[in-house]
Protein backbone atom coordinates (compact mmCIF):
# COMPACT_ATOMS: atom_id res chain seq x y z
CA MET A 1 -54.99 -70.03 20.61
CA THR A 2 -55.19 -72.31 23.60
CA PRO A 3 -55.08 -70.78 27.11
CA PHE A 4 -51.64 -72.31 27.60
CA LEU A 5 -50.25 -70.54 24.54
CA MET A 6 -51.89 -67.29 25.60
CA GLU A 7 -50.30 -67.49 29.04
CA LEU A 8 -46.94 -68.35 27.51
CA ASP A 9 -47.19 -65.40 25.13
CA LEU A 10 -48.11 -63.05 27.98
CA SER A 11 -45.11 -64.19 30.00
CA GLN A 12 -42.86 -63.54 27.01
CA VAL A 13 -44.33 -60.06 26.56
CA GLU A 14 -43.81 -59.29 30.26
CA SER A 15 -40.19 -60.43 30.13
CA ARG A 16 -39.59 -58.33 27.03
CA ILE A 17 -41.12 -55.27 28.72
CA CYS A 18 -38.95 -55.84 31.79
CA TYR A 19 -35.90 -56.27 29.57
CA MET A 20 -36.66 -53.07 27.66
CA LEU A 21 -37.22 -51.17 30.90
CA THR A 22 -33.87 -52.27 32.26
CA ARG A 23 -32.18 -51.37 28.98
CA ASP A 24 -33.79 -47.92 28.56
CA PRO A 25 -33.18 -45.41 31.40
CA VAL A 26 -35.62 -42.95 29.79
CA LEU A 27 -38.50 -45.42 30.17
CA VAL A 28 -37.52 -46.07 33.78
CA LYS A 29 -37.54 -42.34 34.61
CA GLN A 30 -41.01 -41.78 33.15
């Protein structure tokens, strides 16, 4: 993978984590 694709993938993972955290109160409380 090129660095650009790696950075893009990381940003997608971060947004998914943030989305999951906002959707799951249990994860937020931990």
